[in-house]
Amino acid sequence: MYLNFEAIEELVVQIISNPFVSGPASIALFFSLFAIGSRRLDLSHGNGTIKGATIGYFRIALRMRSCMYGEVSLLKSQAFLLMTYFSFTVGASSTSSLMADATSCLQTLRLHSSSEINKLSSDRLEQTNLKRAFWGIYSMEKPYSLQEGLLPLIHGEYADHNISSLQSSLDVGTDLLGVYVRYAEVCSSILRQLHSQRHESRDCSVCCGRGYCEKSPASTLCRLEDSLMMWKTDFSLNFNVDNLSALSRVERRHRLAYITRFHFATIAIYSLPEIEATDMSKERRCESARQILNLSSHISWSDMCDNWELCSAISLATCIIATGIIQKASLAEAERSIAVTDNISTYNMYSHKTSCEIDIPYIGIAIGFFSRISLSTTHDFGNAAMELCSFALSLARC
């Protein structure tokens, strides 16, 4: 997050030479670094999986957590940030609470303020790293809050520094943090719309004499979709899946992440309360869910260990398709009963059945995915999704 090699080397020497006098924050930081490095080695080849030793390092770091509350320091914030990063990437249940601890440290240290950062350190490189730490946790917190239905904790719009200025100050190639931060800003806009609409008037009939309201569902949809498309186009993200096997492992995983995030955000946009009920919104959610499930054939257990958001997105896509089939099949059954009772046309019944048949192959894709992945992990992996799929199929075939 914001450690340079010299600081890491100094920490390792300190822990190895004086393990019994090192503080909890130093120990937590040390084993968090070990866990992150070990995870990277575990997943350094296509079929890699996270080993028990890697999780063991992380658990040692977690044991230090209860001793780290109290006065906030840079060392403690470093430890919380790295624990949060590891927990977030592997989909651990500790992510929410660790993220709250990490953001609390950022708030206390006031890392949103350049002047406060200058007080913490006079070194220009360390100042840049502190600012990047702020944007690093921001890039994780926004997508996670949207995924888990949590209230956002960090407000990047109040920071007086931005990621683009930090990128220009670093002599690096493509800085992925910029890509992640821009996506997090899209998620932040969706979250803001989701939570602010509860306090805003829904009546847009009179809006300063104009023919439309800037807060109307149509304008909201347009604004959010535009921001998502700008994220894709500004970074020239390639969503082509035909040549995935020809890419390097790192490039392939980046592309899988970008495509999945794009469709997850699309689903989130079309799930906003003032938008979700329309037929167009339902179809757009289903279309993005289909795209995610199509992508699942390229995703391995190792890929999910590298990025647990992939599993969350596939589970969400499965639920969308399965519940859609259940709704359509239930409507068809209800209309069949009415038709038999009242001796009326069954046209609508057949239209619902036909629309069910469109998505049945995607249920097969989902079942195949969870069955395949369960061979690499526990046998009950994805059981809830599999049961939902089976129920949807049983209704569709009636």
Protein backbone atom coordinates (compact mmCIF):
# COMPACT_ATOMS: atom_id res chain seq x y z
CA MET A 1 0.00 0.00 0.00
CA TYR A 2 2.48 2.66 1.06
CA LEU A 3 5.61 0.73 2.02
CA ASN A 4 8.87 1.02 0.12
CA PHE A 5 11.45 -1.74 -0.07
CA GLU A 6 13.70 -0.11 2.52
CA ALA A 7 10.87 0.02 5.06
CA ILE A 8 9.96 -3.61 4.37
CA GLU A 9 13.57 -4.73 4.78
CA GLU A 10 13.89 -2.79 8.03
CA LEU A 11 10.68 -4.37 9.35
CA VAL A 12 11.83 -7.90 8.49
CA VAL A 13 15.20 -7.39 10.19
CA GLN A 14 13.47 -5.98 13.28
CA ILE A 15 11.04 -8.89 13.63
CA ILE A 16 13.63 -11.58 12.99
CA SER A 17 16.26 -10.10 15.30
CA ASN A 18 13.90 -8.99 18.10
CA PRO A 19 10.70 -11.05 17.82
CA PHE A 20 9.82 -10.86 21.52
CA VAL A 21 10.04 -7.09 21.86
CA SER A 22 8.24 -6.18 18.63
CA GLY A 23 4.88 -4.47 19.04
CA PRO A 24 1.54 -5.94 17.85
CA ALA A 25 1.33 -3.52 14.91
CA SER A 26 4.80 -4.52 13.68
CA ILE A 27 3.95 -8.21 13.97
CA ALA A 28 0.61 -7.72 12.20
CA LEU A 29 2.30 -5.78 9.40
CA PHE A 30 5.05 -8.39 9.08
CA PHE A 31 2.66 -11.33 8.74
CA SER A 32 0.30 -9.39 6.48
CA LEU A 33 3.22 -8.84 4.11
CA PHE A 34 4.06 -12.54 4.36
CA ALA A 35 0.46 -13.47 3.57
CA ILE A 36 0.31 -11.17 0.53
CA GLY A 37 3.66 -12.35 -0.81
CA SER A 38 2.83 -16.00 -0.17
CA ARG A 39 -0.52 -15.61 -1.91
CA ARG A 40 1.18 -14.13 -4.95
CA LEU A 41 3.54 -17.11 -5.11
CA ASP A 42 0.66 -19.56 -4.64
CA LEU A 43 -1.19 -18.04 -7.61
CA SER A 44 1.84 -17.45 -9.82
CA HIS A 45 0.81 -20.23 -12.21
CA GLY A 46 -2.49 -20.99 -13.91
CA ASN A 47 -3.63 -23.82 -11.60
CA GLY A 48 -2.35 -22.37 -8.35
CA THR A 49 -4.49 -22.17 -5.24
CA ILE A 50 -4.04 -20.46 -1.89
CA LYS A 51 -2.25 -22.79 0.51
CA GLY A 52 -2.84 -23.27 4.20
CA ALA A 53 0.42 -21.55 5.16
CA THR A 54 -0.72 -18.36 3.44
CA ILE A 55 -3.98 -18.30 5.40
CA GLY A 56 -1.96 -19.11 8.52
CA TYR A 57 0.15 -15.97 8.11
CA PHE A 58 -3.00 -13.90 7.79
CA ARG A 59 -4.54 -15.46 10.90
CA ILE A 60 -1.44 -14.57 12.93
CA ALA A 61 -1.82 -10.96 11.78
CA LEU A 62 -5.51 -11.03 12.76
CA ARG A 63 -4.60 -12.22 16.27
CA MET A 64 -2.70 -8.98 16.80
CA ARG A 65 -5.74 -6.90 15.90
CA SER A 66 -7.24 -6.72 19.39
CA CYS A 67 -4.00 -5.18 20.67
CA MET A 68 -3.89 -2.45 18.01
CA TYR A 69 -6.77 -0.26 19.10
CA GLY A 70 -6.04 3.01 20.82
CA GLU A 71 -3.89 5.83 19.52
CA VAL A 72 -3.59 5.69 15.73
CA SER A 73 -0.15 5.69 14.11
CA LEU A 74 1.22 5.26 10.60
CA LEU A 75 2.43 1.78 11.56
CA LYS A 76 -1.03 0.70 12.73
CA SER A 77 -2.67 2.15 9.63
CA GLN A 78 -0.20 0.25 7.43
CA ALA A 79 -1.05 -3.00 9.20
CA PHE A 80 -4.81 -2.45 8.92
CA LEU A 81 -4.53 -1.50 5.25
CA LEU A 82 -2.57 -4.62 4.33
CA MET A 83 -4.87 -6.89 6.35
CA THR A 84 -7.85 -5.29 4.59
CA TYR A 85 -6.25 -5.77 1.17
CA PHE A 86 -5.59 -9.47 1.78
CA SER A 87 -9.04 -10.08 3.26
CA PHE A 88 -10.73 -8.24 0.37
CA THR A 89 -8.92 -10.18 -2.35
CA VAL A 90 -9.66 -13.62 -0.86
CA GLY A 91 -13.26 -12.81 0.11
CA ALA A 92 -12.76 -13.38 3.84
CA SER A 93 -15.57 -12.67 6.30
CA SER A 94 -13.30 -10.25 8.16
CA THR A 95 -13.30 -7.76 5.25
CA SER A 96 -16.11 -5.50 6.50
CA SER A 97 -14.70 -4.97 9.98
CA LEU A 98 -11.12 -4.62 8.74
CA MET A 99 -12.22 -2.06 6.17
CA ALA A 100 -13.94 -0.09 8.93
CA ASP A 101 -10.73 -0.16 10.98
CA ALA A 102 -8.60 0.90 8.00
CA THR A 103 -10.91 3.76 7.02
CA SER A 104 -11.01 4.91 10.65
CA CYS A 105 -7.22 5.15 10.58
CA LEU A 106 -7.32 7.13 7.34
CA GLN A 107 -9.85 9.53 8.84
CA THR A 108 -7.88 9.98 12.05
CA LEU A 109 -4.64 10.62 10.16
CA ARG A 110 -6.56 12.90 7.76
CA LEU A 111 -5.03 11.36 4.67
CA HIS A 112 -7.58 13.21 2.55
CA SER A 113 -5.67 16.42 3.27
CA SER A 114 -2.35 17.25 1.61
CA SER A 115 -1.39 19.65 4.40
CA GLU A 116 -1.96 16.97 7.06
CA ILE A 117 0.07 14.47 5.03
CA ASN A 118 2.92 16.99 4.83
CA LYS A 119 2.91 17.13 8.64
CA LEU A 120 3.21 13.34 8.84
CA SER A 121 6.26 13.21 6.58
CA SER A 122 8.61 15.61 4.84
CA ASP A 123 9.75 13.01 2.32
CA ARG A 124 8.10 13.58 -1.09
CA LEU A 125 7.97 9.89 -1.99
CA GLU A 126 6.38 8.97 1.32
CA GLN A 127 3.86 11.78 0.92
CA THR A 128 2.91 10.35 -2.47
CA ASN A 129 2.63 6.86 -1.00
CA LEU A 130 0.37 8.13 1.78
CA LYS A 131 -1.94 9.71 -0.78
CA ARG A 132 -1.93 6.50 -2.80
CA ALA A 133 -2.86 4.62 0.38
CA PHE A 134 -5.95 6.80 0.67
CA TRP A 135 -6.97 6.04 -2.92
CA GLY A 136 -6.04 2.39 -2.51
CA ILE A 137 -8.55 1.81 0.28
CA TYR A 138 -11.07 3.99 -1.59
CA SER A 139 -10.75 1.73 -4.65
CA MET A 140 -11.65 -1.30 -2.52
CA GLU A 141 -14.28 0.25 -0.26
CA LYS A 142 -16.65 1.55 -2.94
CA PRO A 143 -17.10 -1.68 -4.96
CA TYR A 144 -17.29 -3.67 -1.72
CA SER A 145 -19.97 -1.38 -0.25
CA LEU A 146 -22.01 -1.68 -3.45
CA GLN A 147 -21.60 -5.44 -3.54
CA GLU A 148 -22.49 -5.99 0.11
CA GLY A 149 -25.15 -3.27 0.48
CA LEU A 150 -23.12 -1.26 3.00
CA LEU A 151 -23.07 2.46 3.65
CA PRO A 152 -19.94 4.08 2.14
CA LEU A 153 -17.30 5.18 4.63
CA ILE A 154 -14.93 7.29 2.49
CA HIS A 155 -15.87 10.32 0.41
CA GLY A 156 -13.21 10.88 -2.22
CA GLU A 157 -14.78 14.10 -3.45
CA TYR A 158 -13.59 15.81 -0.27
CA ALA A 159 -9.93 14.90 -0.81
CA ASP A 160 -7.75 17.79 -1.99
CA HIS A 161 -5.48 15.47 -4.01
CA ASN A 162 -6.35 13.11 -6.84
CA ILE A 163 -5.00 9.95 -8.34
CA SER A 164 -4.07 11.47 -11.71
CA SER A 165 -1.60 13.91 -10.17
CA LEU A 166 -0.03 11.07 -8.20
CA GLN A 167 0.37 8.98 -11.33
CA SER A 168 2.21 11.76 -13.13
CA SER A 169 4.66 11.98 -10.22
CA LEU A 170 5.62 8.31 -10.49
CA ASP A 171 7.90 6.89 -13.13
CA VAL A 172 5.78 3.80 -13.83
CA GLY A 173 3.99 2.32 -16.78
CA THR A 174 0.27 1.67 -16.70
CA ASP A 175 -0.78 2.37 -13.13
CA LEU A 176 -3.66 0.04 -12.34
CA LEU A 177 -4.63 2.05 -9.28
CA GLY A 178 -5.97 4.73 -11.62
CA VAL A 179 -8.22 2.16 -13.32
CA TYR A 180 -9.50 0.90 -9.98
CA VAL A 181 -10.12 4.39 -8.60
CA ARG A 182 -12.14 5.44 -11.64
CA TYR A 183 -14.29 2.33 -11.31
CA ALA A 184 -14.71 3.08 -7.60
CA GLU A 185 -15.95 6.56 -8.56
CA VAL A 186 -18.62 4.92 -10.73
CA CYS A 187 -19.63 2.76 -7.77
CA SER A 188 -19.64 5.85 -5.56
CA SER A 189 -22.08 7.59 -7.92
CA ILE A 190 -24.38 4.56 -7.82
CA LEU A 191 -24.19 4.42 -4.02
CA ARG A 192 -24.89 8.14 -3.74
CA GLN A 193 -27.95 7.78 -5.95
CA LEU A 194 -29.13 4.73 -4.02
CA HIS A 195 -28.91 6.33 -0.59
CA SER A 196 -29.80 9.94 -1.45
CA GLN A 197 -33.09 9.12 -3.17
CA ARG A 198 -34.60 8.17 0.18
CA HIS A 199 -34.39 11.82 1.22
CA GLU A 200 -35.36 13.49 -2.03
CA SER A 201 -38.78 14.27 -3.39
CA ARG A 202 -39.85 11.90 -6.13
CA ASP A 203 -42.12 14.52 -7.74
CA CYS A 204 -40.37 15.94 -10.81
CA SER A 205 -43.46 17.46 -12.42
CA VAL A 206 -42.25 21.02 -11.79
CA CYS A 207 -38.53 21.63 -12.13
CA CYS A 208 -37.62 25.27 -12.64
CA GLY A 209 -39.87 25.49 -15.70
CA ARG A 210 -37.87 22.91 -17.65
CA GLY A 211 -39.33 19.99 -19.51
CA TYR A 212 -37.27 17.49 -17.54
CA CYS A 213 -35.69 17.12 -14.14
CA GLU A 214 -31.99 16.46 -13.63
CA LYS A 215 -32.97 13.99 -10.92
CA SER A 216 -35.48 12.13 -13.06
CA PRO A 217 -34.93 8.37 -13.59
CA ALA A 218 -34.05 8.92 -17.26
CA SER A 219 -31.36 11.52 -16.53
CA THR A 220 -30.00 9.44 -13.64
CA LEU A 221 -29.73 6.41 -15.88
CA CYS A 222 -28.01 8.40 -18.62
CA ARG A 223 -25.51 9.96 -16.21
CA LEU A 224 -24.53 6.68 -14.56
CA GLU A 225 -24.28 4.77 -17.83
CA ASP A 226 -22.12 7.53 -19.31
CA SER A 227 -19.72 7.41 -16.36
CA LEU A 228 -19.42 3.63 -16.70
CA MET A 229 -18.78 3.83 -20.45
CA MET A 230 -16.20 6.59 -19.92
CA TRP A 231 -14.34 4.29 -17.52
CA LYS A 232 -14.19 1.68 -20.27
CA THR A 233 -13.23 4.02 -23.11
CA ASP A 234 -10.84 6.35 -21.25
CA PHE A 235 -8.64 3.40 -20.29
CA SER A 236 -9.18 1.60 -23.64
CA LEU A 237 -10.29 -1.55 -21.82
CA ASN A 238 -10.56 -4.52 -24.16
CA PHE A 239 -13.60 -6.73 -23.47
CA ASN A 240 -12.87 -9.25 -26.22
CA VAL A 241 -13.04 -12.82 -24.86
CA ASP A 242 -12.11 -14.65 -28.08
CA ASN A 243 -8.36 -14.45 -27.43
CA LEU A 244 -8.29 -14.90 -23.65
CA SER A 245 -6.22 -18.08 -23.89
CA ALA A 246 -3.55 -16.20 -25.87
CA LEU A 247 -3.04 -13.63 -23.11
CA SER A 248 -0.56 -13.89 -20.29
CA ARG A 249 -1.93 -15.00 -16.93
CA VAL A 250 -1.82 -11.45 -15.54
CA GLU A 251 -3.40 -9.84 -18.62
CA ARG A 252 -6.14 -12.48 -18.74
CA ARG A 253 -7.05 -11.96 -15.09
CA HIS A 254 -7.15 -8.20 -15.54
CA ARG A 255 -9.51 -8.56 -18.49
CA LEU A 256 -11.75 -10.98 -16.58
CA ALA A 257 -11.91 -8.47 -13.73
CA TYR A 258 -12.73 -5.51 -15.99
CA ILE A 259 -15.50 -7.32 -17.88
CA THR A 260 -17.03 -8.66 -14.69
CA ARG A 261 -16.93 -5.26 -12.99
CA PHE A 262 -18.52 -3.57 -16.00
CA HIS A 263 -21.49 -5.93 -16.01
CA PHE A 264 -21.79 -5.88 -12.21
CA ALA A 265 -22.03 -2.08 -12.31
CA THR A 266 -24.59 -2.30 -15.13
CA ILE A 267 -26.73 -4.61 -12.99
CA ALA A 268 -26.39 -2.22 -10.04
CA ILE A 269 -27.45 0.77 -12.15
CA TYR A 270 -30.53 -0.99 -13.49
CA SER A 271 -31.39 -2.21 -9.98
CA LEU A 272 -31.88 1.29 -8.56
CA PRO A 273 -35.42 1.50 -7.10
CA GLU A 274 -36.67 4.20 -9.47
CA ILE A 275 -35.40 2.26 -12.50
CA GLU A 276 -35.59 -1.47 -11.72
CA ALA A 277 -39.31 -2.12 -12.33
CA THR A 278 -39.35 -1.44 -16.09
CA ASP A 279 -39.16 -4.24 -18.65
CA MET A 280 -36.09 -2.62 -20.19
CA SER A 281 -34.28 -2.65 -16.83
CA LYS A 282 -35.13 -6.30 -16.24
CA GLU A 283 -33.81 -7.21 -19.69
CA ARG A 284 -30.61 -5.20 -19.22
CA ARG A 285 -29.95 -6.94 -15.91
CA CYS A 286 -30.55 -10.31 -17.54
CA GLU A 287 -28.30 -9.44 -20.49
CA SER A 288 -25.40 -8.51 -18.19
CA ALA A 289 -26.04 -11.65 -16.15
CA ARG A 290 -25.83 -13.71 -19.36
CA GLN A 291 -22.53 -12.05 -20.26
CA ILE A 292 -21.10 -12.87 -16.83
CA LEU A 293 -22.20 -16.50 -17.10
CA ASN A 294 -20.74 -16.74 -20.61
CA LEU A 295 -17.47 -15.54 -19.12
CA SER A 296 -17.57 -18.16 -16.35
CA SER A 297 -16.29 -20.89 -18.68
CA HIS A 298 -12.97 -19.01 -18.78
CA ILE A 299 -12.74 -18.70 -14.98
CA SER A 300 -10.87 -21.25 -12.88
CA TRP A 301 -10.68 -21.79 -9.14
CA SER A 302 -7.24 -20.18 -9.25
CA ASP A 303 -8.71 -17.08 -10.92
CA MET A 304 -11.28 -16.76 -8.13
CA CYS A 305 -8.59 -17.16 -5.47
CA ASP A 306 -6.85 -14.24 -7.17
CA ASN A 307 -10.04 -12.12 -7.29
CA TRP A 308 -13.04 -13.19 -5.22
CA GLU A 309 -15.23 -10.57 -6.91
CA LEU A 310 -15.49 -13.05 -9.81
CA CYS A 311 -17.30 -15.55 -7.60
CA SER A 312 -19.64 -12.88 -6.21
CA ALA A 313 -20.52 -11.68 -9.72
CA ILE A 314 -21.21 -15.20 -11.02
CA SER A 315 -23.38 -15.96 -7.99
CA LEU A 316 -25.33 -12.74 -8.59
CA ALA A 317 -25.75 -13.52 -12.29
CA THR A 318 -27.02 -17.00 -11.45
CA CYS A 319 -29.61 -15.57 -9.04
CA ILE A 320 -30.82 -13.05 -11.64
CA ILE A 321 -31.31 -15.65 -14.36
CA ALA A 322 -32.82 -18.26 -12.03
CA THR A 323 -35.28 -15.86 -10.37
CA GLY A 324 -36.25 -14.54 -13.80
CA ILE A 325 -37.13 -18.06 -14.93
CA ILE A 326 -39.05 -18.70 -11.71
CA GLN A 327 -41.09 -15.51 -12.17
CA LYS A 328 -41.86 -16.24 -15.83
CA ALA A 329 -42.72 -19.88 -15.15
CA SER A 330 -45.00 -18.87 -12.28
CA LEU A 331 -46.77 -16.32 -14.49
CA ALA A 332 -47.20 -18.93 -17.22
CA GLU A 333 -48.68 -21.39 -14.72
CA ALA A 334 -51.06 -18.76 -13.33
CA GLU A 335 -52.21 -17.81 -16.83
CA ARG A 336 -52.65 -21.47 -17.71
CA SER A 337 -54.95 -21.92 -14.73
CA ILE A 338 -56.95 -18.82 -15.66
CA ALA A 339 -57.18 -19.95 -19.29
CA VAL A 340 -58.49 -23.38 -18.32
CA THR A 341 -61.02 -21.87 -15.92
CA ASP A 342 -62.26 -19.09 -18.20
CA ASN A 343 -61.64 -20.80 -21.56
CA ILE A 344 -59.59 -17.86 -22.94
CA SER A 345 -56.55 -17.55 -25.19
CA THR A 346 -53.25 -18.91 -23.87
CA TYR A 347 -51.06 -16.59 -25.97
CA ASN A 348 -49.40 -14.92 -22.97
CA MET A 349 -48.70 -18.28 -21.39
CA TYR A 350 -46.70 -19.38 -24.42
CA SER A 351 -44.84 -16.06 -24.59
CA HIS A 352 -43.71 -16.50 -20.97
CA LYS A 353 -42.67 -20.08 -21.68
CA THR A 354 -40.66 -18.98 -24.72
CA SER A 355 -38.86 -16.30 -22.71
CA CYS A 356 -38.02 -18.95 -20.09
CA GLU A 357 -36.47 -21.15 -22.76
CA ILE A 358 -34.05 -18.37 -23.71
CA ASP A 359 -32.41 -18.50 -20.29
CA ILE A 360 -32.50 -22.23 -19.59
CA PRO A 361 -29.09 -22.77 -21.29
CA TYR A 362 -27.58 -20.21 -18.92
CA ILE A 363 -28.83 -22.21 -15.95
CA GLY A 364 -26.93 -25.12 -17.45
CA ILE A 365 -23.82 -22.94 -17.68
CA ALA A 366 -24.17 -21.95 -14.01
CA ILE A 367 -24.62 -25.56 -12.89
CA GLY A 368 -21.60 -26.58 -14.94
CA PHE A 369 -19.50 -23.80 -13.43
CA PHE A 370 -20.30 -24.58 -9.79
CA SER A 371 -19.90 -28.32 -10.40
CA ARG A 372 -16.49 -27.78 -12.02
CA ILE A 373 -15.23 -25.44 -9.32
CA SER A 374 -16.41 -27.77 -6.54
CA LEU A 375 -13.86 -30.32 -7.81
CA SER A 376 -11.09 -27.89 -6.81
CA THR A 377 -12.53 -26.94 -3.43
CA THR A 378 -15.17 -28.32 -1.04
CA HIS A 379 -17.87 -30.56 -2.53
CA ASP A 380 -20.64 -28.29 -1.23
CA PHE A 381 -19.30 -25.17 -2.96
CA GLY A 382 -22.18 -23.28 -4.55
CA ASN A 383 -24.86 -25.57 -3.08
CA ALA A 384 -27.35 -22.73 -2.58
CA ALA A 385 -26.93 -21.56 -6.19
CA MET A 386 -27.26 -25.14 -7.47
CA GLU A 387 -30.50 -25.67 -5.52
CA LEU A 388 -31.92 -22.42 -6.90
CA CYS A 389 -30.99 -23.51 -10.43
CA SER A 390 -32.61 -26.92 -9.96
CA PHE A 391 -35.80 -25.33 -8.67
CA ALA A 392 -35.90 -22.92 -11.63
CA LEU A 393 -35.44 -25.79 -14.08
CA SER A 394 -38.17 -27.86 -12.45
CA LEU A 395 -40.65 -24.99 -12.85
CA ALA A 396 -39.58 -24.21 -16.41
CA ARG A 397 -40.12 -27.82 -17.51
CA CYS A 398 -43.62 -28.12 -16.08
